[in-house]
Amino acid sequence: MTRTVHCRKYDQELEGLEKPPYPGPKGQDIYNNVSKQAWEEWQAHQTRLINEKHLTMTDPAARKYLMEQMDKFLSGQEYDQAEGYVPE
C-alpha cells in the first residue's frame, strides 16, 4: 500500500516519499509533510538553480542558499527562478 502525506506545498493528500531524503529532523519533516511529487519537482528545480546560477556545492553559502530555496519551494512561498531556463 502506498504511503500518503498531507503535502504542505499542495495542501492535499498525496503519495509520500519512501524514506527521508536527509538524516535528522529536516529529513524527517520532509518525509512527514512533503509529497513525492513536490520532492521530485524540487529536485528538478534545484538542478536548474545549480546549473543556471553556476553554484558550487562545496561552497557553504551555495548550500545554505539552496536550503533556503528548498524551504520556500516546499512551503508554497515565492522562490528564486533559474534565469535563462526555457522549458521544453
C-alpha atoms as a PDB file:
ATOM      1  CA  MET A   1       0.000   0.000   0.000  1.00  0.00           C
ATOM      2  CA  THR A   2       1.249   3.456  -0.898  1.00  0.00           C
ATOM      3  CA  ARG A   3       2.029   5.815   1.959  1.00  0.00           C
ATOM      4  CA  THR A   4       0.275   9.187   1.802  1.00  0.00           C
ATOM      5  CA  VAL A   5       1.029  12.526   3.447  1.00  0.00           C
ATOM      6  CA  HIS A   6      -0.737  15.842   3.637  1.00  0.00           C
ATOM      7  CA  CYS A   7       1.621  17.779   1.359  1.00  0.00           C
ATOM      8  CA  ARG A   8       2.403  21.263   2.653  1.00  0.00           C
ATOM      9  CA  LYS A   9       3.136  22.538  -0.888  1.00  0.00           C
ATOM     10  CA  TYR A  10      -0.113  21.335  -2.468  1.00  0.00           C
ATOM     11  CA  ASP A  11      -2.302  21.258   0.666  1.00  0.00           C
ATOM     12  CA  GLN A  12      -3.739  17.851  -0.187  1.00  0.00           C
ATOM     13  CA  GLU A  13      -3.201  14.157   0.475  1.00  0.00           C
ATOM     14  CA  LEU A  14      -0.637  12.788  -1.975  1.00  0.00           C
ATOM     15  CA  GLU A  15       1.802   9.894  -2.224  1.00  0.00           C
ATOM     16  CA  GLY A  16       4.672  10.267   0.232  1.00  0.00           C
ATOM     17  CA  LEU A  17       8.374   9.564  -0.052  1.00  0.00           C
ATOM     18  CA  GLU A  18       9.668   6.049   0.579  1.00  0.00           C
ATOM     19  CA  LYS A  19      12.276   7.267   3.078  1.00  0.00           C
ATOM     20  CA  PRO A  20      13.548  10.578   4.485  1.00  0.00           C
ATOM     21  CA  PRO A  21      15.752  12.389   1.935  1.00  0.00           C
ATOM     22  CA  TYR A  22      18.173  13.653   4.639  1.00  0.00           C
ATOM     23  CA  PRO A  23      19.222  12.406   8.039  1.00  0.00           C
ATOM     24  CA  GLY A  24      17.945  14.182  11.132  1.00  0.00           C
ATOM     25  CA  PRO A  25      14.956  16.408  11.858  1.00  0.00           C
ATOM     26  CA  LYS A  26      14.964  18.182   8.469  1.00  0.00           C
ATOM     27  CA  GLY A  27      14.732  14.891   6.593  1.00  0.00           C
ATOM     28  CA  GLN A  28      12.020  13.607   8.921  1.00  0.00           C
ATOM     29  CA  ASP A  29       9.992  16.811   8.452  1.00  0.00           C
ATOM     30  CA  ILE A  30      10.182  16.473   4.657  1.00  0.00           C
ATOM     31  CA  TYR A  31       9.293  12.773   4.902  1.00  0.00           C
ATOM     32  CA  ASN A  32       6.229  13.541   7.041  1.00  0.00           C
ATOM     33  CA  ASN A  33       4.961  16.665   5.243  1.00  0.00           C
ATOM     34  CA  VAL A  34       6.091  16.702   1.599  1.00  0.00           C
ATOM     35  CA  SER A  35       4.718  14.583  -1.231  1.00  0.00           C
ATOM     36  CA  LYS A  36       6.805  12.559  -3.629  1.00  0.00           C
ATOM     37  CA  GLN A  37       5.564  14.816  -6.439  1.00  0.00           C
ATOM     38  CA  ALA A  38       6.664  18.018  -4.673  1.00  0.00           C
ATOM     39  CA  TRP A  39      10.052  16.498  -3.785  1.00  0.00           C
ATOM     40  CA  GLU A  40      10.697  15.407  -7.390  1.00  0.00           C
ATOM     41  CA  GLU A  41       9.712  18.878  -8.632  1.00  0.00           C
ATOM     42  CA  TRP A  42      12.098  20.428  -6.101  1.00  0.00           C
ATOM     43  CA  GLN A  43      14.966  18.189  -7.244  1.00  0.00           C
ATOM     44  CA  ALA A  44      14.451  19.278 -10.860  1.00  0.00           C
ATOM     45  CA  HIS A  45      14.252  22.950  -9.831  1.00  0.00           C
ATOM     46  CA  GLN A  46      17.338  22.580  -7.632  1.00  0.00           C
ATOM     47  CA  THR A  47      19.282  21.207 -10.604  1.00  0.00           C
ATOM     48  CA  ARG A  48      18.219  24.196 -12.718  1.00  0.00           C
ATOM     49  CA  LEU A  49      19.303  26.609  -9.968  1.00  0.00           C
ATOM     50  CA  ILE A  50      22.687  24.910  -9.626  1.00  0.00           C
ATOM     51  CA  ASN A  51      23.273  24.957 -13.383  1.00  0.00           C
ATOM     52  CA  GLU A  52      21.946  28.417 -14.239  1.00  0.00           C
ATOM     53  CA  LYS A  53      23.468  30.166 -11.214  1.00  0.00           C
ATOM     54  CA  HIS A  54      26.741  28.194 -11.507  1.00  0.00           C
ATOM     55  CA  LEU A  55      26.589  27.135  -7.865  1.00  0.00           C
ATOM     56  CA  THR A  56      29.440  25.124  -6.398  1.00  0.00           C
ATOM     57  CA  MET A  57      28.198  22.609  -3.872  1.00  0.00           C
ATOM     58  CA  THR A  58      31.465  22.727  -1.931  1.00  0.00           C
ATOM     59  CA  ASP A  59      30.662  26.371  -1.114  1.00  0.00           C
ATOM     60  CA  PRO A  60      28.789  26.606   2.228  1.00  0.00           C
ATOM     61  CA  ALA A  61      26.987  29.770   1.036  1.00  0.00           C
ATOM     62  CA  ALA A  62      25.651  27.916  -2.034  1.00  0.00           C
ATOM     63  CA  ARG A  63      24.399  25.040   0.132  1.00  0.00           C
ATOM     64  CA  LYS A  64      22.749  27.495   2.534  1.00  0.00           C
ATOM     65  CA  TYR A  65      21.098  29.289  -0.401  1.00  0.00           C
ATOM     66  CA  LEU A  66      19.704  26.010  -1.763  1.00  0.00           C
ATOM     67  CA  MET A  67      18.336  25.006   1.657  1.00  0.00           C
ATOM     68  CA  GLU A  68      16.562  28.379   1.933  1.00  0.00           C
ATOM     69  CA  GLN A  69      15.132  27.982  -1.566  1.00  0.00           C
ATOM     70  CA  MET A  70      14.065  24.414  -0.794  1.00  0.00           C
ATOM     71  CA  ASP A  71      12.184  25.568   2.303  1.00  0.00           C
ATOM     72  CA  LYS A  72      10.400  28.261   0.292  1.00  0.00           C
ATOM     73  CA  PHE A  73       9.618  25.922  -2.619  1.00  0.00           C
ATOM     74  CA  LEU A  74       8.233  23.138  -0.437  1.00  0.00           C
ATOM     75  CA  SER A  75       6.174  25.570   1.661  1.00  0.00           C
ATOM     76  CA  GLY A  76       4.477  27.186  -1.317  1.00  0.00           C
ATOM     77  CA  GLN A  77       6.236  30.528  -0.821  1.00  0.00           C
ATOM     78  CA  GLU A  78       7.851  32.608  -3.557  1.00  0.00           C
ATOM     79  CA  TYR A  79      11.230  31.171  -4.543  1.00  0.00           C
ATOM     80  CA  ASP A  80      14.011  32.106  -6.957  1.00  0.00           C
ATOM     81  CA  GLN A  81      13.719  31.055 -10.566  1.00  0.00           C
ATOM     82  CA  ALA A  82      16.607  29.940 -12.746  1.00  0.00           C
ATOM     83  CA  GLU A  83      17.342  32.853 -15.055  1.00  0.00           C
ATOM     84  CA  GLY A  84      17.854  31.735 -18.630  1.00  0.00           C
ATOM     85  CA  TYR A  85      15.914  28.492 -18.213  1.00  0.00           C
ATOM     86  CA  VAL A  86      13.422  27.889 -21.013  1.00  0.00           C
ATOM     87  CA  PRO A  87      11.053  24.933 -20.500  1.00  0.00           C
ATOM     88  CA  GLU A  88      10.890  22.435 -23.346  1.00  0.00           C
END
